[in-house]
Amino acid sequence: MVTSKTPSFSWAVACSGGDSEAGADALQECYIKVASGRAIFSGKSSLKTWWLAVIRLTAYEQRRGWRRWRERLNAFREWIAAISGGPPAETVEAVTSINADQLAPALARLPARQAEILRLVFQHELSVQESAAVMGVSLGSARQHYDRAKKRLRHLLITHARVLLCHSCILSTILI
């Protein structure tokens, strides 16, 4: 358990921009890194210096991941508004508030390679080039899969959001 009285926690909070919850998450991730062998002390510095560096880098990775996620979400919202000619706010909200339970069926409807590259890029935060290496395909092929997957997933999610919006309009009409 992470307590607020340890120097490690204070450092994690400082590295997380002053957010104590993010600091606790970063410190917990550090413990996991050490336990799983992803962070190994080599002896080139003192143990304390190494530990604080692990915390700093982990907090940075988490902040970067959240920042990238927010940028992608904003770009997705802008894209929806642009392609739909400015859909009603309810449609944009329905599409952008999709949770994992709603996303999983849409991903399952994609071809295997397309679903795989989306998971590598968005879930594992790899670049398309890194994803191509993991998948064992050329960069051009990975870019094609990525582009087609985004288009198909957008279509599936927008269709799903419109169906939900239509169902809510029907229900509200019936209840009135």
C-alpha atoms as a PDB file:
ATOM      1  CA  MET A   1       0.000   0.000   0.000  1.00  0.00           C
ATOM      2  CA  VAL A   2       1.234   3.488  -0.869  1.00  0.00           C
ATOM      3  CA  THR A   3       1.229   5.985   1.994  1.00  0.00           C
ATOM      4  CA  SER A   4       1.581   9.717   1.721  1.00  0.00           C
ATOM      5  CA  LYS A   5       4.401   9.842   4.300  1.00  0.00           C
ATOM      6  CA  THR A   6       7.125   8.168   2.255  1.00  0.00           C
ATOM      7  CA  PRO A   7       9.704  10.155   0.304  1.00  0.00           C
ATOM      8  CA  SER A   8       8.953   7.943  -2.702  1.00  0.00           C
ATOM      9  CA  PHE A   9       5.310   8.980  -2.654  1.00  0.00           C
ATOM     10  CA  SER A  10       6.183  12.667  -2.343  1.00  0.00           C
ATOM     11  CA  TRP A  11       8.536  12.351  -5.312  1.00  0.00           C
ATOM     12  CA  ALA A  12       5.922  10.484  -7.341  1.00  0.00           C
ATOM     13  CA  VAL A  13       3.339  13.206  -6.633  1.00  0.00           C
ATOM     14  CA  ALA A  14       5.829  15.906  -7.614  1.00  0.00           C
ATOM     15  CA  CYS A  15       6.669  14.051 -10.839  1.00  0.00           C
ATOM     16  CA  SER A  16       2.941  13.627 -11.547  1.00  0.00           C
ATOM     17  CA  GLY A  17       2.272  17.347 -11.539  1.00  0.00           C
ATOM     18  CA  GLY A  18       1.068  17.493  -7.942  1.00  0.00           C
ATOM     19  CA  ASP A  19      -1.762  14.987  -8.445  1.00  0.00           C
ATOM     20  CA  SER A  20      -1.708  12.574  -5.490  1.00  0.00           C
ATOM     21  CA  GLU A  21      -3.848   9.938  -7.241  1.00  0.00           C
ATOM     22  CA  ALA A  22      -1.594   9.981 -10.306  1.00  0.00           C
ATOM     23  CA  GLY A  23       1.416   9.832  -7.988  1.00  0.00           C
ATOM     24  CA  ALA A  24       0.012   6.781  -6.217  1.00  0.00           C
ATOM     25  CA  ASP A  25      -0.677   5.122  -9.571  1.00  0.00           C
ATOM     26  CA  ALA A  26       2.860   5.890 -10.770  1.00  0.00           C
ATOM     27  CA  LEU A  27       4.402   4.510  -7.584  1.00  0.00           C
ATOM     28  CA  GLN A  28       2.279   1.363  -7.803  1.00  0.00           C
ATOM     29  CA  GLU A  29       3.413   0.908 -11.418  1.00  0.00           C
ATOM     30  CA  CYS A  30       7.034   1.268 -10.225  1.00  0.00           C
ATOM     31  CA  TYR A  31       6.559  -1.534  -7.728  1.00  0.00           C
ATOM     32  CA  ILE A  32       5.103  -3.676 -10.511  1.00  0.00           C
ATOM     33  CA  LYS A  33       8.049  -2.853 -12.789  1.00  0.00           C
ATOM     34  CA  VAL A  34      10.539  -3.927 -10.145  1.00  0.00           C
ATOM     35  CA  ALA A  35       8.606  -7.079  -9.196  1.00  0.00           C
ATOM     36  CA  SER A  36       8.218  -8.137 -12.827  1.00  0.00           C
ATOM     37  CA  GLY A  37      11.848  -7.427 -13.713  1.00  0.00           C
ATOM     38  CA  ARG A  38      11.130  -4.569 -16.126  1.00  0.00           C
ATOM     39  CA  ALA A  39      13.182  -2.235 -13.924  1.00  0.00           C
ATOM     40  CA  ILE A  40      16.497  -3.751 -12.859  1.00  0.00           C
ATOM     41  CA  PHE A  41      19.070  -2.122 -10.603  1.00  0.00           C
ATOM     42  CA  SER A  42      22.451  -2.342 -12.332  1.00  0.00           C
ATOM     43  CA  GLY A  43      24.574  -0.786  -9.594  1.00  0.00           C
ATOM     44  CA  LYS A  44      25.805   2.113 -11.756  1.00  0.00           C
ATOM     45  CA  SER A  45      24.297   4.588  -9.289  1.00  0.00           C
ATOM     46  CA  SER A  46      23.053   4.470  -5.741  1.00  0.00           C
ATOM     47  CA  LEU A  47      19.877   2.528  -5.072  1.00  0.00           C
ATOM     48  CA  LYS A  48      18.065   5.714  -4.087  1.00  0.00           C
ATOM     49  CA  THR A  49      19.063   7.524  -7.296  1.00  0.00           C
ATOM     50  CA  TRP A  50      17.958   4.562  -9.372  1.00  0.00           C
ATOM     51  CA  TRP A  51      14.612   4.285  -7.548  1.00  0.00           C
ATOM     52  CA  LEU A  52      13.836   7.984  -7.933  1.00  0.00           C
ATOM     53  CA  ALA A  53      14.699   7.769 -11.643  1.00  0.00           C
ATOM     54  CA  VAL A  54      12.343   4.817 -12.046  1.00  0.00           C
ATOM     55  CA  ILE A  55       9.585   6.859 -10.388  1.00  0.00           C
ATOM     56  CA  ARG A  56      10.302   9.934 -12.527  1.00  0.00           C
ATOM     57  CA  LEU A  57      10.297   7.988 -15.786  1.00  0.00           C
ATOM     58  CA  THR A  58       7.166   6.045 -14.861  1.00  0.00           C
ATOM     59  CA  ALA A  59       5.286   9.226 -13.956  1.00  0.00           C
ATOM     60  CA  TYR A  60       6.439  10.767 -17.235  1.00  0.00           C
ATOM     61  CA  GLU A  61       5.221   7.728 -19.202  1.00  0.00           C
ATOM     62  CA  GLN A  62       1.821   7.930 -17.543  1.00  0.00           C
ATOM     63  CA  ARG A  63       1.440  11.690 -18.142  1.00  0.00           C
ATOM     64  CA  ARG A  64       2.494  11.226 -21.758  1.00  0.00           C
ATOM     65  CA  GLY A  65      -0.012   8.405 -22.216  1.00  0.00           C
ATOM     66  CA  TRP A  66      -2.881  10.488 -20.830  1.00  0.00           C
ATOM     67  CA  ARG A  67      -1.883  13.496 -22.929  1.00  0.00           C
ATOM     68  CA  ARG A  68      -1.775  11.358 -26.095  1.00  0.00           C
ATOM     69  CA  TRP A  69      -5.126   9.819 -25.221  1.00  0.00           C
ATOM     70  CA  ARG A  70      -6.745  13.264 -24.752  1.00  0.00           C
ATOM     71  CA  GLU A  71      -5.258  14.493 -28.052  1.00  0.00           C
ATOM     72  CA  ARG A  72      -6.646  11.454 -29.871  1.00  0.00           C
ATOM     73  CA  LEU A  73     -10.058  11.909 -28.266  1.00  0.00           C
ATOM     74  CA  ASN A  74     -10.197  15.585 -29.281  1.00  0.00           C
ATOM     75  CA  ALA A  75      -9.097  14.752 -32.822  1.00  0.00           C
ATOM     76  CA  PHE A  76     -11.779  12.058 -32.988  1.00  0.00           C
ATOM     77  CA  ARG A  77     -14.452  14.522 -31.814  1.00  0.00           C
ATOM     78  CA  GLU A  78     -13.348  17.055 -34.441  1.00  0.00           C
ATOM     79  CA  TRP A  79     -13.359  14.369 -37.124  1.00  0.00           C
ATOM     80  CA  ILE A  80     -16.902  13.285 -36.241  1.00  0.00           C
ATOM     81  CA  ALA A  81     -18.140  16.867 -36.447  1.00  0.00           C
ATOM     82  CA  ALA A  82     -16.370  17.391 -39.795  1.00  0.00           C
ATOM     83  CA  ILE A  83     -17.586  14.259 -41.583  1.00  0.00           C
ATOM     84  CA  SER A  84     -21.126  14.471 -40.335  1.00  0.00           C
ATOM     85  CA  GLY A  85     -21.579  18.119 -41.212  1.00  0.00           C
ATOM     86  CA  GLY A  86     -21.898  19.024 -37.570  1.00  0.00           C
ATOM     87  CA  PRO A  87     -23.992  16.250 -35.984  1.00  0.00           C
ATOM     88  CA  PRO A  88     -26.170  16.961 -32.978  1.00  0.00           C
ATOM     89  CA  ALA A  89     -24.229  17.204 -29.734  1.00  0.00           C
ATOM     90  CA  GLU A  90     -25.937  14.034 -28.503  1.00  0.00           C
ATOM     91  CA  THR A  91     -24.401  12.013 -31.359  1.00  0.00           C
ATOM     92  CA  VAL A  92     -20.913  13.358 -30.686  1.00  0.00           C
ATOM     93  CA  GLU A  93     -21.317  12.663 -26.979  1.00  0.00           C
ATOM     94  CA  ALA A  94     -22.652   9.162 -27.633  1.00  0.00           C
ATOM     95  CA  VAL A  95     -19.703   8.307 -29.885  1.00  0.00           C
ATOM     96  CA  THR A  96     -17.013   9.865 -27.689  1.00  0.00           C
ATOM     97  CA  SER A  97     -18.345   8.358 -24.465  1.00  0.00           C
ATOM     98  CA  ILE A  98     -18.039   4.799 -25.723  1.00  0.00           C
ATOM     99  CA  ASN A  99     -16.666   2.458 -23.097  1.00  0.00           C
ATOM    100  CA  ALA A 100     -14.756  -0.783 -23.456  1.00  0.00           C
ATOM    101  CA  ASP A 101     -17.955  -2.856 -23.426  1.00  0.00           C
ATOM    102  CA  GLN A 102     -19.220  -0.973 -26.483  1.00  0.00           C
ATOM    103  CA  LEU A 103     -15.864  -0.882 -28.252  1.00  0.00           C
ATOM    104  CA  ALA A 104     -15.160  -4.615 -27.973  1.00  0.00           C
ATOM    105  CA  PRO A 105     -17.983  -5.701 -30.324  1.00  0.00           C
ATOM    106  CA  ALA A 106     -16.920  -3.103 -32.905  1.00  0.00           C
ATOM    107  CA  LEU A 107     -13.310  -4.320 -32.738  1.00  0.00           C
ATOM    108  CA  ALA A 108     -14.512  -7.907 -33.081  1.00  0.00           C
ATOM    109  CA  ARG A 109     -16.190  -6.992 -36.370  1.00  0.00           C
ATOM    110  CA  LEU A 110     -12.890  -5.789 -37.854  1.00  0.00           C
ATOM    111  CA  PRO A 111     -10.567  -8.113 -39.778  1.00  0.00           C
ATOM    112  CA  ALA A 112      -7.875  -9.618 -37.540  1.00  0.00           C
ATOM    113  CA  ARG A 113      -4.969  -7.503 -38.853  1.00  0.00           C
ATOM    114  CA  GLN A 114      -6.959  -4.294 -38.551  1.00  0.00           C
ATOM    115  CA  ALA A 115      -8.011  -5.050 -34.991  1.00  0.00           C
ATOM    116  CA  GLU A 116      -4.442  -6.046 -34.124  1.00  0.00           C
ATOM    117  CA  ILE A 117      -2.885  -2.810 -35.367  1.00  0.00           C
ATOM    118  CA  LEU A 118      -5.468  -0.682 -33.555  1.00  0.00           C
ATOM    119  CA  ARG A 119      -4.732  -2.523 -30.313  1.00  0.00           C
ATOM    120  CA  LEU A 120      -0.984  -2.083 -30.769  1.00  0.00           C
ATOM    121  CA  VAL A 121      -1.258   1.628 -31.561  1.00  0.00           C
ATOM    122  CA  PHE A 122      -3.925   2.659 -29.061  1.00  0.00           C
ATOM    123  CA  GLN A 123      -3.729   0.133 -26.246  1.00  0.00           C
ATOM    124  CA  HIS A 124       0.014  -0.494 -26.248  1.00  0.00           C
ATOM    125  CA  GLU A 125       0.925   2.993 -27.528  1.00  0.00           C
ATOM    126  CA  LEU A 126       3.238   1.799 -30.291  1.00  0.00           C
ATOM    127  CA  SER A 127       3.802   3.744 -33.482  1.00  0.00           C
ATOM    128  CA  VAL A 128       2.577   2.291 -36.772  1.00  0.00           C
ATOM    129  CA  GLN A 129       6.197   1.506 -37.641  1.00  0.00           C
ATOM    130  CA  GLU A 130       6.737  -0.338 -34.345  1.00  0.00           C
ATOM    131  CA  SER A 131       3.416  -2.126 -34.822  1.00  0.00           C
ATOM    132  CA  ALA A 132       4.529  -3.264 -38.285  1.00  0.00           C
ATOM    133  CA  ALA A 133       7.619  -4.845 -36.746  1.00  0.00           C
ATOM    134  CA  VAL A 134       5.551  -6.597 -34.075  1.00  0.00           C
ATOM    135  CA  MET A 135       3.056  -7.869 -36.673  1.00  0.00           C
ATOM    136  CA  GLY A 136       5.805  -8.943 -39.064  1.00  0.00           C
ATOM    137  CA  VAL A 137       4.461  -6.944 -42.016  1.00  0.00           C
ATOM    138  CA  SER A 138       5.913  -4.131 -44.106  1.00  0.00           C
ATOM    139  CA  LEU A 139       5.389  -0.526 -43.032  1.00  0.00           C
ATOM    140  CA  GLY A 140       3.217   0.138 -46.099  1.00  0.00           C
ATOM    141  CA  SER A 141       0.993  -2.825 -45.288  1.00  0.00           C
ATOM    142  CA  ALA A 142       0.696  -1.720 -41.655  1.00  0.00           C
ATOM    143  CA  ARG A 143      -0.283   1.783 -42.756  1.00  0.00           C
ATOM    144  CA  GLN A 144      -2.989   0.341 -45.021  1.00  0.00           C
ATOM    145  CA  HIS A 145      -4.360  -1.846 -42.215  1.00  0.00           C
ATOM    146  CA  TYR A 146      -4.267   1.118 -39.818  1.00  0.00           C
ATOM    147  CA  ASP A 147      -6.035   3.481 -42.223  1.00  0.00           C
ATOM    148  CA  ARG A 148      -8.725   0.960 -43.160  1.00  0.00           C
ATOM    149  CA  ALA A 149      -9.226  -0.037 -39.524  1.00  0.00           C
ATOM    150  CA  LYS A 150      -9.765   3.560 -38.408  1.00  0.00           C
ATOM    151  CA  LYS A 151     -12.255   4.191 -41.210  1.00  0.00           C
ATOM    152  CA  ARG A 152     -14.176   0.985 -40.548  1.00  0.00           C
ATOM    153  CA  LEU A 153     -14.189   1.473 -36.759  1.00  0.00           C
ATOM    154  CA  ARG A 154     -15.408   5.070 -37.135  1.00  0.00           C
ATOM    155  CA  HIS A 155     -18.207   3.869 -39.397  1.00  0.00           C
ATOM    156  CA  LEU A 156     -19.216   1.165 -36.935  1.00  0.00           C
ATOM    157  CA  LEU A 157     -19.137   3.531 -33.945  1.00  0.00           C
ATOM    158  CA  ILE A 158     -21.048   6.324 -35.700  1.00  0.00           C
ATOM    159  CA  THR A 159     -23.672   3.838 -36.866  1.00  0.00           C
ATOM    160  CA  HIS A 160     -23.893   2.482 -33.310  1.00  0.00           C
ATOM    161  CA  ALA A 161     -24.227   6.012 -31.869  1.00  0.00           C
ATOM    162  CA  ARG A 162     -26.953   6.934 -34.344  1.00  0.00           C
ATOM    163  CA  VAL A 163     -28.859   3.747 -33.521  1.00  0.00           C
ATOM    164  CA  LEU A 164     -28.602   4.574 -29.802  1.00  0.00           C
ATOM    165  CA  LEU A 165     -29.729   8.145 -30.459  1.00  0.00           C
ATOM    166  CA  CYS A 166     -32.639   6.909 -32.579  1.00  0.00           C
ATOM    167  CA  HIS A 167     -33.658   4.428 -29.871  1.00  0.00           C
ATOM    168  CA  SER A 168     -33.540   7.142 -27.205  1.00  0.00           C
ATOM    169  CA  CYS A 169     -35.706   9.422 -29.401  1.00  0.00           C
ATOM    170  CA  ILE A 170     -38.249   6.628 -29.882  1.00  0.00           C
ATOM    171  CA  LEU A 171     -38.285   5.869 -26.166  1.00  0.00           C
ATOM    172  CA  SER A 172     -38.725   9.530 -25.245  1.00  0.00           C
ATOM    173  CA  THR A 173     -41.595   9.812 -27.777  1.00  0.00           C
ATOM    174  CA  ILE A 174     -43.293   6.739 -26.309  1.00  0.00           C
ATOM    175  CA  LEU A 175     -42.872   7.975 -22.744  1.00  0.00           C
ATOM    176  CA  ILE A 176     -44.260  11.452 -23.473  1.00  0.00           C
END
